[in-house]
Amino acid sequence: MTTPTSPALDPIELHRRLQGKLAVVSKTKLTPETLAALYTPGVGEVCREIADHPDMATTLTLKGRSVAVVSDGSAVLGLGNIGPLGALPVMEGKAILFKDLGGLDAWPIVLSTQNVDEIVAAVTAIAPTFGAINLEDISAPRCYEVEERLQEALDIPVMHDDQHATAIVALAGLINAAKVVAKDLRACRVVVVGAGAAGSGLFRLLVDYGVTDVVLTDSKGIVEPTRTNLDAYKQRWAQLGNPRQLTGDVGVALAGADIVIGVTVPGAFTAAHIKTMASQPIVFALANPTPEIMPDAAIAAGAAVVATGRSDYANQINNVLVFPGLFKGLLAHNAPAVTTAIKLACAAALADLIPQPTADQIIPSALDPRVAPTVAAAVGSSL
């Protein structure tokens, strides 16, 4: 494991100097000829063409290469509900990753409302400009309703990145981690600690992948049908997985487990918990910026493979490995939605980029140039 290091650049000073990470740049030089063709009078012909044939908007305008990155600022990184302006630097950062890694133009859009009806109305109203919608940093459980309602209302892909992209990367890492310890992932006992957006998304994707003994826990314990303090979404998830019908706290869930994935807060599980797990346990401690347990402590407790969400340790599980390529593939193939088949195909393709995984390399680097094209191709193959 590498030693954590401090950033080489001062983030505040860099942002001040740049005054934002993005700029609108014309794709052609403005001359009398291009002015006449791109604006008046020539643009009128293009407008009539699109009005008569709406599908032409994807090839005659920026719609076919544009993604809206939308947040209400209610669940930003590990900072919580810091509002739309506090979220804007993150949405800008996502946009440059879309551009540099996926070749797409993404537009950061922060909303001055955290009301579900108003978010859905706002995104629906602006959707004609974009080929896809990336929802970001919207708190649970509102994020589930926002995504579901927008998927129903729109004919373009809508994905809440915190749920699905994180789940895809984690599944890819788990596929390879299981190979390292010579276990069948589908036969493993898996515990997901944290039932927010990321945890619930991963839990559901593991079930879709075929892991039968997967248990979801929140701050009150195992999410299971006898609990009376579950919201409507957790009531759904209580019907999935957990074939041994476990009840109780995270300690009950982890006893004898092969894999634990933390997507919650530091200290949610400990070295003592890891010592109760099966032989050669796999530990994904993905809380950011401080993991549930630090890698060295997890290894000392017996973990065979450890992953975190941080770039300064081996095996970074980060959604940047997915969303640029995923949206690139969605737009290239005019896919109307992000399906389970797409998510599973992307996870398998990411895992295959590491043909001989080791304890210190189960997932490719976020800057590996193969990643985005591979994920985009996986989208196409799954349609």
Protein backbone atom coordinates (compact mmCIF):
# COMPACT_ATOMS: atom_id res chain seq x y z
CA MET A 1 0.00 0.00 0.00
CA THR A 2 1.24 3.50 -0.80
CA THR A 3 1.56 6.25 1.75
CA PRO A 4 -1.07 9.03 1.52
CA THR A 5 0.28 12.29 0.13
CA SER A 6 -0.98 15.86 0.17
CA PRO A 7 -2.16 17.56 -3.02
CA ALA A 8 0.71 19.29 -4.86
CA LEU A 9 -1.55 22.23 -5.80
CA ASP A 10 -3.57 24.49 -3.54
CA PRO A 11 -7.19 23.79 -4.59
CA ILE A 12 -8.53 27.22 -3.62
CA GLU A 13 -5.78 29.09 -5.42
CA LEU A 14 -6.08 26.92 -8.54
CA HIS A 15 -9.85 27.45 -8.71
CA ARG A 16 -9.40 31.19 -8.17
CA ARG A 17 -6.86 31.41 -10.96
CA LEU A 18 -9.01 29.41 -13.37
CA GLN A 19 -12.28 31.04 -12.26
CA GLY A 20 -14.04 27.77 -12.97
CA LYS A 21 -12.91 24.70 -14.85
CA LEU A 22 -14.92 25.14 -18.03
CA ALA A 23 -15.43 27.54 -20.94
CA VAL A 24 -17.63 27.56 -24.03
CA VAL A 25 -15.46 27.42 -27.13
CA SER A 26 -16.66 27.77 -30.70
CA LYS A 27 -15.92 24.78 -32.93
CA THR A 28 -15.33 26.91 -36.01
CA LYS A 29 -13.85 30.25 -36.91
CA LEU A 30 -16.37 33.04 -37.38
CA THR A 31 -16.21 34.48 -40.91
CA PRO A 32 -18.86 36.17 -43.07
CA GLU A 33 -19.49 32.81 -44.74
CA THR A 34 -19.79 30.76 -41.54
CA LEU A 35 -21.88 33.50 -39.91
CA ALA A 36 -24.39 33.27 -42.73
CA ALA A 37 -24.51 29.46 -42.53
CA LEU A 38 -24.39 28.97 -38.74
CA TYR A 39 -26.61 31.88 -37.78
CA THR A 40 -28.83 34.04 -39.91
CA PRO A 41 -30.00 33.32 -42.56
CA GLY A 42 -28.74 29.74 -42.92
CA VAL A 43 -29.71 28.53 -39.47
CA GLY A 44 -33.37 28.89 -40.37
CA GLU A 45 -33.08 25.98 -42.77
CA VAL A 46 -31.61 23.83 -39.99
CA CYS A 47 -34.37 24.89 -37.61
CA ARG A 48 -37.06 23.86 -40.11
CA GLU A 49 -35.33 20.51 -40.70
CA ILE A 50 -35.31 19.73 -36.98
CA ALA A 51 -38.87 20.95 -36.51
CA ASP A 52 -40.01 18.56 -39.24
CA HIS A 53 -37.68 15.73 -38.14
CA PRO A 54 -36.92 16.01 -34.37
CA ASP A 55 -34.50 13.07 -34.44
CA MET A 56 -32.15 15.21 -36.55
CA ALA A 57 -31.37 17.31 -33.47
CA THR A 58 -28.88 14.65 -32.33
CA THR A 59 -26.77 15.14 -35.46
CA LEU A 60 -27.38 18.81 -36.32
CA THR A 61 -26.90 20.25 -32.80
CA LEU A 62 -24.85 19.58 -29.68
CA LYS A 63 -27.65 17.41 -28.25
CA GLY A 64 -26.06 14.18 -29.49
CA ARG A 65 -22.86 14.74 -27.50
CA SER A 66 -24.14 16.62 -24.45
CA VAL A 67 -24.89 15.50 -20.89
CA ALA A 68 -26.55 17.53 -18.14
CA VAL A 69 -24.82 17.01 -14.79
CA VAL A 70 -27.56 17.93 -12.33
CA SER A 71 -27.41 18.35 -8.56
CA ASP A 72 -29.39 19.99 -5.80
CA GLY A 73 -26.36 20.06 -3.50
CA SER A 74 -27.98 17.88 -0.86
CA ALA A 75 -25.32 15.12 -0.60
CA VAL A 76 -22.03 16.50 -1.88
CA LEU A 77 -19.01 14.21 -1.48
CA GLY A 78 -18.53 13.68 2.26
CA LEU A 79 -19.67 17.23 2.98
CA GLY A 80 -23.41 16.63 3.17
CA ASN A 81 -26.10 19.17 2.34
CA ILE A 82 -24.04 22.22 1.34
CA GLY A 83 -26.44 23.55 -1.29
CA PRO A 84 -26.22 24.23 -5.01
CA LEU A 85 -23.34 26.72 -5.00
CA GLY A 86 -21.28 24.42 -2.79
CA ALA A 87 -21.98 21.61 -5.27
CA LEU A 88 -21.01 23.60 -8.36
CA PRO A 89 -17.24 22.90 -8.21
CA VAL A 90 -17.95 19.15 -8.13
CA MET A 91 -20.32 19.36 -11.10
CA GLU A 92 -17.68 21.35 -13.01
CA GLY A 93 -15.14 18.67 -12.14
CA LYS A 94 -17.47 15.97 -13.45
CA ALA A 95 -17.83 17.94 -16.66
CA ILE A 96 -14.09 18.05 -17.34
CA LEU A 97 -13.89 14.30 -16.72
CA PHE A 98 -16.68 13.74 -19.23
CA LYS A 99 -14.71 15.81 -21.75
CA ASP A 100 -11.19 14.57 -21.13
CA LEU A 101 -12.03 10.89 -20.65
CA GLY A 102 -15.20 10.43 -22.71
CA GLY A 103 -15.03 13.15 -25.35
CA LEU A 104 -18.46 14.46 -24.34
CA ASP A 105 -19.63 17.96 -23.50
CA ALA A 106 -21.21 18.02 -20.06
CA TRP A 107 -22.95 21.01 -18.53
CA PRO A 108 -22.94 21.55 -14.74
CA ILE A 109 -26.43 22.48 -13.59
CA VAL A 110 -27.19 23.13 -9.92
CA LEU A 111 -30.74 23.73 -8.80
CA SER A 112 -31.96 26.07 -6.06
CA THR A 113 -34.52 23.55 -4.87
CA GLN A 114 -34.49 20.24 -3.03
CA ASN A 115 -38.15 19.52 -3.68
CA VAL A 116 -38.65 16.35 -5.72
CA ASP A 117 -41.50 17.77 -7.83
CA GLU A 118 -39.53 20.90 -8.63
CA ILE A 119 -36.34 18.97 -9.50
CA VAL A 120 -38.28 16.69 -11.84
CA ALA A 121 -40.03 19.66 -13.45
CA ALA A 122 -36.79 21.60 -13.91
CA VAL A 123 -34.88 18.70 -15.47
CA THR A 124 -37.81 17.75 -17.69
CA ALA A 125 -38.01 21.34 -18.92
CA ILE A 126 -34.33 21.56 -19.91
CA ALA A 127 -34.01 17.98 -21.22
CA PRO A 128 -34.48 18.80 -24.94
CA THR A 129 -30.97 20.31 -25.00
CA PHE A 130 -29.28 17.11 -23.86
CA GLY A 131 -28.71 13.55 -24.99
CA ALA A 132 -28.60 12.21 -21.43
CA ILE A 133 -29.02 13.27 -17.79
CA ASN A 134 -26.46 12.50 -15.06
CA LEU A 135 -27.95 13.06 -11.61
CA GLU A 136 -25.33 13.72 -8.97
CA ASP A 137 -25.09 14.27 -5.22
CA ILE A 138 -28.83 14.16 -4.49
CA SER A 139 -29.57 12.69 -1.09
CA ALA A 140 -31.45 9.45 -0.44
CA PRO A 141 -34.28 8.57 -0.51
CA ARG A 142 -35.30 11.51 -2.71
CA CYS A 143 -32.73 10.51 -5.35
CA TYR A 144 -34.60 7.27 -6.06
CA GLU A 145 -37.90 9.00 -6.78
CA VAL A 146 -36.21 11.71 -8.86
CA GLU A 147 -34.48 9.13 -11.03
CA GLU A 148 -37.54 6.92 -11.42
CA ARG A 149 -39.82 9.79 -12.36
CA LEU A 150 -37.38 11.27 -14.85
CA GLN A 151 -36.83 7.87 -16.47
CA GLU A 152 -40.58 7.62 -16.98
CA ALA A 153 -40.94 11.18 -18.27
CA LEU A 154 -38.01 11.34 -20.69
CA ASP A 155 -36.93 9.40 -23.76
CA ILE A 156 -33.20 9.85 -23.03
CA PRO A 157 -31.03 7.99 -20.48
CA VAL A 158 -31.22 9.21 -16.89
CA MET A 159 -28.74 7.85 -14.35
CA HIS A 160 -28.06 8.75 -10.74
CA ASP A 161 -24.30 8.33 -10.77
CA ASP A 162 -23.90 7.77 -7.03
CA GLN A 163 -26.15 4.70 -7.21
CA HIS A 164 -25.19 3.00 -10.43
CA ALA A 165 -21.70 4.02 -11.54
CA THR A 166 -20.26 3.33 -8.11
CA ALA A 167 -22.00 -0.05 -8.12
CA ILE A 168 -20.60 -0.97 -11.53
CA VAL A 169 -17.01 -0.19 -10.51
CA ALA A 170 -17.36 -2.00 -7.19
CA LEU A 171 -18.79 -5.08 -8.92
CA ALA A 172 -15.86 -5.09 -11.36
CA GLY A 173 -13.44 -4.92 -8.44
CA LEU A 174 -15.26 -7.71 -6.61
CA ILE A 175 -15.17 -9.97 -9.67
CA ASN A 176 -11.38 -9.70 -9.70
CA ALA A 177 -10.94 -9.73 -5.94
CA ALA A 178 -12.80 -13.05 -5.81
CA LYS A 179 -10.36 -14.42 -8.39
CA VAL A 180 -7.42 -13.39 -6.22
CA VAL A 181 -8.72 -15.46 -3.29
CA ALA A 182 -9.97 -18.28 -5.56
CA LYS A 183 -13.62 -17.90 -4.58
CA ASP A 184 -16.80 -17.88 -6.67
CA LEU A 185 -18.30 -14.42 -6.18
CA ARG A 186 -21.84 -15.67 -6.72
CA ALA A 187 -21.35 -18.21 -3.93
CA CYS A 188 -19.82 -15.72 -1.48
CA ARG A 189 -21.50 -14.30 1.57
CA VAL A 190 -21.46 -10.54 0.96
CA VAL A 191 -22.38 -7.71 3.32
CA VAL A 192 -23.02 -4.15 2.14
CA VAL A 193 -22.65 -1.73 5.06
CA GLY A 194 -24.56 1.45 4.26
CA ALA A 195 -28.00 1.61 2.66
CA GLY A 196 -27.79 5.04 1.05
CA ALA A 197 -27.58 5.69 -2.68
CA ALA A 198 -24.26 3.90 -3.27
CA GLY A 199 -24.96 1.00 -0.93
CA SER A 200 -28.44 0.31 -2.22
CA GLY A 201 -27.27 0.52 -5.82
CA LEU A 202 -24.47 -1.97 -5.20
CA PHE A 203 -26.73 -4.29 -3.19
CA ARG A 204 -29.25 -4.46 -6.04
CA LEU A 205 -26.56 -4.94 -8.70
CA LEU A 206 -25.01 -7.81 -6.73
CA VAL A 207 -28.42 -9.47 -6.60
CA ASP A 208 -28.79 -8.94 -10.36
CA TYR A 209 -25.31 -10.42 -10.88
CA GLY A 210 -26.41 -13.59 -9.11
CA VAL A 211 -25.00 -13.26 -5.59
CA THR A 212 -27.69 -14.92 -3.51
CA ASP A 213 -26.33 -14.41 0.00
CA VAL A 214 -25.98 -10.63 0.08
CA VAL A 215 -27.04 -8.68 3.15
CA LEU A 216 -27.67 -4.94 3.36
CA THR A 217 -27.24 -3.02 6.61
CA ASP A 218 -27.92 0.56 7.67
CA SER A 219 -27.21 2.43 10.90
CA LYS A 220 -30.01 0.50 12.65
CA GLY A 221 -28.85 -2.97 11.56
CA ILE A 222 -29.74 -5.51 8.90
CA VAL A 223 -32.36 -4.35 6.39
CA GLU A 224 -34.90 -7.17 6.69
CA PRO A 225 -38.70 -7.54 6.55
CA THR A 226 -39.41 -7.69 10.30
CA ARG A 227 -38.11 -4.16 10.88
CA THR A 228 -40.76 -1.50 11.33
CA ASN A 229 -38.53 1.54 10.73
CA LEU A 230 -37.87 1.10 7.00
CA ASP A 231 -38.88 3.64 4.35
CA ALA A 232 -40.69 2.47 1.23
CA TYR A 233 -37.47 1.86 -0.69
CA LYS A 234 -35.77 -0.12 2.07
CA GLN A 235 -38.94 -2.19 2.36
CA ARG A 236 -38.37 -3.22 -1.26
CA TRP A 237 -34.75 -4.14 -0.64
CA ALA A 238 -35.63 -6.10 2.49
CA GLN A 239 -37.26 -8.63 0.16
CA LEU A 240 -33.98 -9.26 -1.69
CA GLY A 241 -30.96 -11.35 -0.70
CA ASN A 242 -30.45 -12.44 2.92
CA PRO A 243 -31.52 -16.07 2.35
CA ARG A 244 -30.55 -17.01 5.92
CA GLN A 245 -33.02 -14.38 7.18
CA LEU A 246 -30.48 -12.74 9.44
CA THR A 247 -31.60 -10.12 11.93
CA GLY A 248 -29.56 -7.88 14.19
CA ASP A 249 -26.58 -5.56 13.81
CA VAL A 250 -23.62 -5.37 11.47
CA GLY A 251 -21.69 -7.82 13.65
CA VAL A 252 -24.30 -10.50 13.02
CA ALA A 253 -24.14 -9.85 9.29
CA LEU A 254 -20.32 -10.00 9.12
CA ALA A 255 -19.80 -13.19 11.11
CA GLY A 256 -18.56 -15.74 8.55
CA ALA A 257 -18.92 -13.34 5.62
CA ASP A 258 -16.50 -13.53 2.69
CA ILE A 259 -16.82 -9.91 1.60
CA VAL A 260 -17.70 -6.60 3.21
CA ILE A 261 -18.29 -3.41 1.26
CA GLY A 262 -18.58 -0.21 3.26
CA VAL A 263 -20.28 2.80 1.69
CA THR A 264 -21.07 4.72 4.82
CA VAL A 265 -18.92 6.36 7.54
CA PRO A 266 -15.57 5.74 9.26
CA GLY A 267 -15.82 3.12 12.00
CA ALA A 268 -18.96 1.46 10.66
CA PHE A 269 -17.05 -1.82 10.90
CA THR A 270 -13.78 -2.54 12.64
CA ALA A 271 -10.79 -4.85 12.76
CA ALA A 272 -12.66 -6.94 15.32
CA HIS A 273 -15.47 -7.46 12.81
CA ILE A 274 -13.03 -8.48 10.07
CA LYS A 275 -11.52 -11.11 12.35
CA THR A 276 -14.94 -12.80 12.57
CA MET A 277 -15.22 -13.12 8.79
CA ALA A 278 -14.40 -16.18 6.69
CA SER A 279 -10.83 -16.98 5.66
CA GLN A 280 -9.18 -14.56 3.23
CA PRO A 281 -11.85 -11.88 3.58
CA ILE A 282 -12.25 -9.13 0.99
CA VAL A 283 -12.68 -5.63 2.42
CA PHE A 284 -13.91 -2.68 0.37
CA ALA A 285 -13.88 0.38 2.65
CA LEU A 286 -15.22 3.02 0.29
CA ALA A 287 -16.21 5.90 2.58
CA ASN A 288 -14.57 9.13 1.42
CA PRO A 289 -12.33 10.81 2.32
CA THR A 290 -11.80 8.58 5.39
CA PRO A 291 -12.54 4.86 4.87
CA GLU A 292 -14.53 2.79 7.35
CA ILE A 293 -11.21 1.18 8.26
CA MET A 294 -7.78 2.15 6.97
CA PRO A 295 -6.14 -0.39 4.64
CA ASP A 296 -3.21 -1.20 6.93
CA ALA A 297 -5.57 -1.95 9.81
CA ALA A 298 -7.76 -4.13 7.58
CA ILE A 299 -4.74 -6.12 6.39
CA ALA A 300 -3.50 -6.53 9.94
CA ALA A 301 -6.92 -7.96 10.82
CA GLY A 302 -6.56 -10.57 8.08
CA ALA A 303 -8.00 -8.97 4.95
CA ALA A 304 -6.62 -10.59 1.79
CA VAL A 305 -7.73 -7.84 -0.60
CA VAL A 306 -8.50 -4.25 0.34
CA ALA A 307 -9.98 -1.46 -1.75
CA THR A 308 -10.88 2.13 -0.92
CA GLY A 309 -12.31 5.12 -2.73
CA ARG A 310 -9.02 7.01 -2.49
CA SER A 311 -6.40 7.55 -5.17
CA ASP A 312 -3.50 7.34 -2.72
CA TYR A 313 -4.02 3.63 -1.98
CA ALA A 314 -4.10 0.61 -4.24
CA ASN A 315 -7.42 -0.47 -5.74
CA GLN A 316 -9.32 2.81 -5.99
CA ILE A 317 -13.03 2.19 -6.54
CA ASN A 318 -14.18 5.40 -8.17
CA ASN A 319 -17.11 6.08 -10.46
CA VAL A 320 -14.85 8.00 -12.85
CA LEU A 321 -13.98 4.55 -14.22
CA VAL A 322 -17.54 4.26 -15.52
CA PHE A 323 -19.51 7.39 -16.26
CA PRO A 324 -17.43 8.89 -19.13
CA GLY A 325 -17.43 5.66 -21.14
CA LEU A 326 -20.94 4.66 -20.13
CA PHE A 327 -22.48 7.91 -21.35
CA LYS A 328 -20.27 7.87 -24.43
CA GLY A 329 -21.73 4.47 -25.30
CA LEU A 330 -25.29 5.53 -24.47
CA LEU A 331 -25.11 8.53 -26.78
CA ALA A 332 -23.29 6.68 -29.56
CA HIS A 333 -26.04 4.05 -29.69
CA ASN A 334 -29.03 6.31 -28.92
CA ALA A 335 -29.86 4.10 -25.96
CA PRO A 336 -33.06 5.25 -24.23
CA ALA A 337 -32.16 4.03 -20.73
CA VAL A 338 -29.47 2.52 -18.51
CA THR A 339 -30.54 -1.10 -18.16
CA THR A 340 -29.36 -3.86 -15.85
CA ALA A 341 -27.80 -5.58 -18.87
CA ILE A 342 -25.76 -2.45 -19.59
CA LYS A 343 -24.53 -2.20 -16.01
CA LEU A 344 -23.50 -5.85 -15.86
CA ALA A 345 -21.74 -5.66 -19.22
CA CYS A 346 -19.77 -2.59 -18.14
CA ALA A 347 -18.69 -4.28 -14.90
CA ALA A 348 -17.52 -7.39 -16.73
CA ALA A 349 -15.63 -5.33 -19.31
CA LEU A 350 -13.85 -3.31 -16.62
CA ALA A 351 -12.86 -6.47 -14.77
CA ASP A 352 -11.49 -7.99 -17.98
CA LEU A 353 -9.02 -5.10 -18.32
CA ILE A 354 -7.06 -6.77 -15.50
CA PRO A 355 -6.67 -10.33 -16.82
CA GLN A 356 -4.42 -11.46 -13.96
CA PRO A 357 -5.57 -9.58 -10.88
CA THR A 358 -3.48 -9.41 -7.73
CA ALA A 359 -4.23 -8.20 -4.22
CA ASP A 360 -2.84 -4.79 -5.17
CA GLN A 361 -4.40 -4.57 -8.63
CA ILE A 362 -8.00 -5.60 -9.10
CA ILE A 363 -9.17 -2.57 -11.08
CA PRO A 364 -7.56 -0.37 -13.77
CA SER A 365 -6.45 3.17 -13.12
CA ALA A 366 -8.98 5.93 -13.72
CA LEU A 367 -6.48 7.41 -16.19
CA ASP A 368 -5.95 4.17 -18.14
CA PRO A 369 -6.78 5.19 -21.73
CA ARG A 370 -8.42 1.82 -22.38
CA VAL A 371 -11.16 2.35 -19.83
CA ALA A 372 -13.64 4.73 -21.47
CA PRO A 373 -13.53 3.05 -24.93
CA THR A 374 -13.93 -0.37 -23.31
CA VAL A 375 -16.92 0.71 -21.23
CA ALA A 376 -18.49 2.45 -24.24
CA ALA A 377 -18.08 -0.71 -26.31
CA ALA A 378 -19.68 -2.76 -23.52
CA VAL A 379 -22.76 -0.54 -23.71
CA GLY A 380 -23.07 -1.27 -27.40
CA SER A 381 -22.59 -5.00 -26.95
CA SER A 382 -25.36 -5.18 -24.36
CA LEU A 383 -28.06 -3.56 -26.54
